[in-house]
C-alpha atoms as a PDB file:
ATOM      1  CA  UNK A   1       0.001   0.107  -0.012  1.00  0.00           C
ATOM      2  CA  UNK A   2       1.376   3.434  -0.911  1.00  0.00           C
ATOM      3  CA  UNK A   3       0.888   6.593   1.158  1.00  0.00           C
ATOM      4  CA  UNK A   4      -2.076   7.631  -0.855  1.00  0.00           C
ATOM      5  CA  UNK A   5      -3.999   4.606  -0.427  1.00  0.00           C
ATOM      6  CA  UNK A   6      -6.090   3.869   2.595  1.00  0.00           C
ATOM      7  CA  UNK A   7      -8.538   0.945   3.596  1.00  0.00           C
ATOM      8  CA  UNK A   8     -12.051   1.806   4.093  1.00  0.00           C
ATOM      9  CA  UNK A   9     -14.565  -0.521   5.778  1.00  0.00           C
ATOM     10  CA  UNK A  10     -17.943   0.001   4.256  1.00  0.00           C
ATOM     11  CA  UNK A  11     -21.131  -1.351   5.696  1.00  0.00           C
ATOM     12  CA  UNK A  12     -24.560  -1.253   4.054  1.00  0.00           C
ATOM     13  CA  UNK A  13     -26.179   0.639   6.764  1.00  0.00           C
ATOM     14  CA  UNK A  14     -24.985   3.957   7.942  1.00  0.00           C
ATOM     15  CA  UNK A  15     -26.685   3.643  11.363  1.00  0.00           C
ATOM     16  CA  UNK A  16     -26.199   0.065  12.226  1.00  0.00           C
ATOM     17  CA  UNK A  17     -27.837   0.429  15.734  1.00  0.00           C
ATOM     18  CA  UNK A  18     -31.125   1.411  14.415  1.00  0.00           C
ATOM     19  CA  UNK A  19     -33.819  -0.951  15.552  1.00  0.00           C
ATOM     20  CA  UNK A  20     -36.996   0.606  14.173  1.00  0.00           C
ATOM     21  CA  UNK A  21     -38.372   1.207  10.637  1.00  0.00           C
ATOM     22  CA  UNK A  22     -38.124   4.815   9.569  1.00  0.00           C
ATOM     23  CA  UNK A  23     -41.273   6.688   9.218  1.00  0.00           C
ATOM     24  CA  UNK A  24     -41.794   7.884   5.606  1.00  0.00           C
ATOM     25  CA  UNK A  25     -43.518  11.098   5.012  1.00  0.00           C
ATOM     26  CA  UNK A  26     -43.195  12.249   8.642  1.00  0.00           C
ATOM     27  CA  UNK A  27     -42.794  16.080   9.310  1.00  0.00           C
ATOM     28  CA  UNK A  28     -42.201  17.146  12.847  1.00  0.00           C
ATOM     29  CA  UNK A  29     -44.729  19.838  14.219  1.00  0.00           C
ATOM     30  CA  UNK A  30     -41.775  22.392  14.424  1.00  0.00           C
ATOM     31  CA  UNK A  31     -40.674  22.038  10.756  1.00  0.00           C
ATOM     32  CA  UNK A  32     -44.524  22.086   9.634  1.00  0.00           C
ATOM     33  CA  UNK A  33     -44.996  25.301  11.661  1.00  0.00           C
ATOM     34  CA  UNK A  34     -41.954  26.807  10.156  1.00  0.00           C
ATOM     35  CA  UNK A  35     -43.112  25.973   6.571  1.00  0.00           C
ATOM     36  CA  UNK A  36     -46.623  27.382   7.231  1.00  0.00           C
ATOM     37  CA  UNK A  37     -45.038  30.509   8.629  1.00  0.00           C
ATOM     38  CA  UNK A  38     -42.682  30.954   5.536  1.00  0.00           C
ATOM     39  CA  UNK A  39     -45.708  30.358   3.248  1.00  0.00           C
ATOM     40  CA  UNK A  40     -47.715  32.910   5.055  1.00  0.00           C
ATOM     41  CA  UNK A  41     -45.084  35.487   4.890  1.00  0.00           C
ATOM     42  CA  UNK A  42     -44.451  34.873   1.188  1.00  0.00           C
ATOM     43  CA  UNK A  43     -48.257  35.352   0.563  1.00  0.00           C
ATOM     44  CA  UNK A  44     -48.119  38.695   2.450  1.00  0.00           C
ATOM     45  CA  UNK A  45     -45.108  39.925   0.634  1.00  0.00           C
ATOM     46  CA  UNK A  46     -46.775  39.075  -2.746  1.00  0.00           C
ATOM     47  CA  UNK A  47     -49.844  41.039  -1.897  1.00  0.00           C
ATOM     48  CA  UNK A  48     -50.190  44.391  -3.664  1.00  0.00           C
ATOM     49  CA  UNK A  49     -50.871  47.040  -1.064  1.00  0.00           C
ATOM     50  CA  UNK A  50     -50.386  50.060  -3.419  1.00  0.00           C
ATOM     51  CA  UNK A  51     -53.033  52.748  -3.602  1.00  0.00           C
ATOM     52  CA  UNK A  52     -52.884  56.016  -5.251  1.00  0.00           C
ATOM     53  CA  UNK A  53     -51.792  58.842  -2.988  1.00  0.00           C
ATOM     54  CA  UNK A  54     -54.330  61.757  -2.312  1.00  0.00           C
ATOM     55  CA  UNK A  55     -51.891  64.244  -0.724  1.00  0.00           C
ATOM     56  CA  UNK A  56     -48.436  65.405  -1.305  1.00  0.00           C
ATOM     57  CA  UNK A  57     -47.467  63.945   2.223  1.00  0.00           C
ATOM     58  CA  UNK A  58     -48.854  60.559   1.418  1.00  0.00           C
ATOM     59  CA  UNK A  59     -46.809  60.587  -1.669  1.00  0.00           C
ATOM     60  CA  UNK A  60     -43.625  61.567  -0.034  1.00  0.00           C
ATOM     61  CA  UNK A  61     -44.192  59.016   2.763  1.00  0.00           C
ATOM     62  CA  UNK A  62     -44.257  56.200   0.150  1.00  0.00           C
ATOM     63  CA  UNK A  63     -41.451  54.008  -0.579  1.00  0.00           C
ATOM     64  CA  UNK A  64     -39.496  55.066  -3.594  1.00  0.00           C
ATOM     65  CA  UNK A  65     -40.809  52.088  -5.586  1.00  0.00           C
ATOM     66  CA  UNK A  66     -44.316  53.015  -5.015  1.00  0.00           C
ATOM     67  CA  UNK A  67     -43.404  56.827  -5.892  1.00  0.00           C
ATOM     68  CA  UNK A  68     -41.963  55.464  -9.146  1.00  0.00           C
ATOM     69  CA  UNK A  69     -45.156  53.537  -9.720  1.00  0.00           C
ATOM     70  CA  UNK A  70     -47.308  56.657  -9.260  1.00  0.00           C
ATOM     71  CA  UNK A  71     -45.046  58.502 -11.579  1.00  0.00           C
ATOM     72  CA  UNK A  72     -45.252  55.853 -14.294  1.00  0.00           C
ATOM     73  CA  UNK A  73     -48.919  54.829 -13.920  1.00  0.00           C
ATOM     74  CA  UNK A  74     -50.530  58.056 -12.580  1.00  0.00           C
ATOM     75  CA  UNK A  75     -48.535  60.808 -14.132  1.00  0.00           C
ATOM     76  CA  UNK A  76     -51.342  63.542 -13.708  1.00  0.00           C
ATOM     77  CA  UNK A  77     -51.718  62.720 -10.156  1.00  0.00           C
ATOM     78  CA  UNK A  78     -47.900  62.727  -9.463  1.00  0.00           C
ATOM     79  CA  UNK A  79     -47.543  66.225 -11.334  1.00  0.00           C
ATOM     80  CA  UNK A  80     -50.551  67.590  -9.331  1.00  0.00           C
ATOM     81  CA  UNK A  81     -49.152  66.476  -5.960  1.00  0.00           C
ATOM     82  CA  UNK A  82     -45.617  67.302  -6.600  1.00  0.00           C
ATOM     83  CA  UNK A  83     -45.699  70.557  -8.809  1.00  0.00           C
ATOM     84  CA  UNK A  84     -49.264  71.676  -8.024  1.00  0.00           C
ATOM     85  CA  UNK A  85     -50.229  71.485 -11.812  1.00  0.00           C
END
């Protein structure tokens, strides 16, 4: 045997002391709760909460993405609120 070779004893079962049959399809309550929470958060994030602002303060309080959306989709409202036109 050279220095690069090594002997590996392989066994068929990675956990030979296991005495019971594994449950298939079992999901622990903690994992299930985590998955439900992640799904709920993803659904909430996907909801569109945008509404057209009615005052300049509402427009300025919006996130920049919503301000850009107002500019692109409701240009007359944006101009009226920002420039008084």
